[in-house]
């Protein structure tokens, strides 16, 4: 069973329905790890470019931080460009010399969030400031209004979820009552809640025998189409051309069947993978994450051994005898 991403209640007036929120979709993109020719995993690290000087101090307010990650990167097959993947997977190269820059690795605890307010100007927020600005987690979705589904343009839909009655809460009856009432009325409930750390506007509707929740983009997040095609009102088409286009649409009209459409690119990738023989993953060396733990264990063993030798030294025994 999938894991609930949010647990709370759905509120309509005095009716309170305990519910759990589950993702309604499951992306099936083929995911790859970035590796080199020897099959070793390629990892990111955080660093800043600083001017080479005597004491190697970084300049306060420098924000030339690169894309970073704590673990091995994964790549979706629908990446926007090959160049993006190649540039992010290239290992940094140190540059030494007078008047040149070199790279200084940045600890995770030293990271801040920088917002570019203007070209070459940045405002940085401390993690504590970001935490204070976060909205308080919500435990209730209060239905504020009801609208017709056709009145919501699909461009506002962001992500789909299913709302299910919370197991063991005895909320099945009010859940079914609300679901059937909304289905009969043909209305969609509009409410707001906080999912993880982000406030969301939500549309709740009856789908089959359950309630579905669609997170919505806020109005100022949707671009006006006139920003892109402001000149289209000057294009003229004849009524005959429109009529011919309508006839073509009518010829291609059919019932919506999502199973009739497949991701052919994903299927081809899976076919290529199935044809290849799997190879063993190359062992990691150098600064791999596991080496830090191994080094720590070796250091602890060495410390215990050194303490044991000190306790057996003649000088310590003589001092104890005296």
Foldseek 3Di string as FASTA:
>chain_A
DDDFQAWFWEDEPPDIFTKTKFFPDDDPFDKDFDADPVQAGFFFFWKAKAADDDPPDHDPPDDRIDDHDDDTDMDTPVDPDPVVVVVRRDDDDADDDHGGIGIDTDDPQPDWDWDDPDVVDIDTDHPVRVVVPFDDADRYWYFDDKDAPVVDDPVFFDGKIFIDGDPPPPRVVVQQVVLVVQVVVNIWTWTWGARPRRIFIWTWHRDPRTIMITTTDDPVVDDDCCVPCVPVVVDDDDPVVVVVVVVVCVVPDDDDDVVVDDDVVRVVVVVVVVVDDDDDRDDDDDVDPVVVVVVVVVVVVVVVVVVVVVCVDVVNVVVVVD
